[in-house]
Each structure stands twice: as C-alpha cells, then as structure tokens.
Amino acid sequence: MLFDVGILFKIGAMGILLMVIEKVLEANGKKEIASLANLAGVVIILVTVIGMVANLFDTVKTMFTL
C-alpha cells in the first residue's frame, strides 16, 4: 500500500508533542528554546512529508513509464 494512515497519526502525535514541549518551556521562561524546539519539530515533519511526496512522484513515474 502506497499511503499508510499510520503516517498521519505519527505526524499528528509529533504535532501534539511539539505543542506540549513548547508550553512547558514557555512556562519555565525559556521562550527562545521553545521556539527552537518548535522549528526543529516542523523541519522533522517537513522532511517526512517531502519523503512521502518523492515516493508518490516515483510511483507516478513508474505507472506512466516516463
């Protein structure tokens, strides 16, 4: 199967974890570190999505034998 629904749950869980980490760090007065952690999490999620899109393009390329 090309697209696994479990990936969506993993991305959602990473987003929730990022929100919790950000709130805890901001409550302790570490706003800069919270922003940095948030940025790192977004980059990790984007790398995951980019990998999925690349896999999709490869599949389309092989389907149409381009």
Protein backbone atom coordinates (compact mmCIF):
# COMPACT_ATOMS: atom_id res chain seq x y z
CA MET A 1 0.00 0.00 0.00
CA LEU A 2 1.43 3.35 -1.04
CA PHE A 3 -0.11 5.55 1.62
CA ASP A 4 -0.25 4.34 5.18
CA VAL A 5 -2.74 6.03 7.51
CA GLY A 6 -0.33 5.42 10.38
CA ILE A 7 1.89 8.19 8.97
CA LEU A 8 -0.92 10.68 9.57
CA PHE A 9 -1.19 9.57 13.18
CA LYS A 10 2.58 9.88 13.63
CA ILE A 11 2.55 13.42 12.22
CA GLY A 12 -0.37 14.31 14.48
CA ALA A 13 1.37 12.85 17.52
CA MET A 14 4.53 14.80 16.70
CA GLY A 15 2.46 17.98 16.47
CA ILE A 16 0.83 17.35 19.85
CA LEU A 17 4.21 16.57 21.40
CA LEU A 18 5.62 19.80 19.97
CA MET A 19 2.78 21.81 21.49
CA VAL A 20 3.33 20.22 24.91
CA ILE A 21 7.08 20.83 24.80
CA GLU A 22 6.53 24.44 23.74
CA LYS A 23 4.05 25.12 26.55
CA VAL A 24 6.30 23.55 29.19
CA LEU A 25 9.35 25.51 28.04
CA GLU A 26 7.43 28.78 27.82
CA ALA A 27 6.03 28.23 31.33
CA ASN A 28 9.60 27.90 32.60
CA GLY A 29 10.67 31.13 30.92
CA LYS A 30 12.65 29.56 28.10
CA LYS A 31 10.82 31.10 25.16
CA GLU A 32 13.87 31.03 22.85
CA ILE A 33 14.45 27.32 23.39
CA ALA A 34 10.72 26.68 22.89
CA SER A 35 10.87 28.45 19.52
CA LEU A 36 13.96 26.47 18.54
CA ALA A 37 12.33 23.16 19.53
CA ASN A 38 9.22 24.12 17.58
CA LEU A 39 11.29 24.92 14.49
CA ALA A 40 13.19 21.63 14.76
CA GLY A 41 9.91 19.72 15.01
CA VAL A 42 8.47 21.44 11.96
CA VAL A 43 11.62 20.59 9.98
CA ILE A 44 11.33 16.93 11.00
CA ILE A 45 7.68 16.83 9.92
CA LEU A 46 8.51 18.53 6.61
CA VAL A 47 11.27 16.01 5.88
CA THR A 48 8.75 13.22 6.47
CA VAL A 49 6.19 14.80 4.13
CA ILE A 50 8.80 15.53 1.46
CA GLY A 51 9.85 11.88 1.53
CA MET A 52 6.23 10.83 1.02
CA VAL A 53 5.80 13.25 -1.90
CA ALA A 54 9.02 11.97 -3.53
CA ASN A 55 7.74 8.42 -3.19
CA LEU A 56 4.46 9.49 -4.81
CA PHE A 57 6.30 11.06 -7.77
CA ASP A 58 8.38 7.90 -8.21
CA THR A 59 5.23 5.80 -8.24
CA VAL A 60 3.53 8.04 -10.80
CA LYS A 61 6.66 7.98 -12.94
CA THR A 62 6.73 4.18 -12.96
CA MET A 63 2.99 3.96 -13.65
CA PHE A 64 3.30 6.03 -16.80
CA THR A 65 6.79 4.75 -17.62
CA LEU A 66 8.25 8.21 -18.09
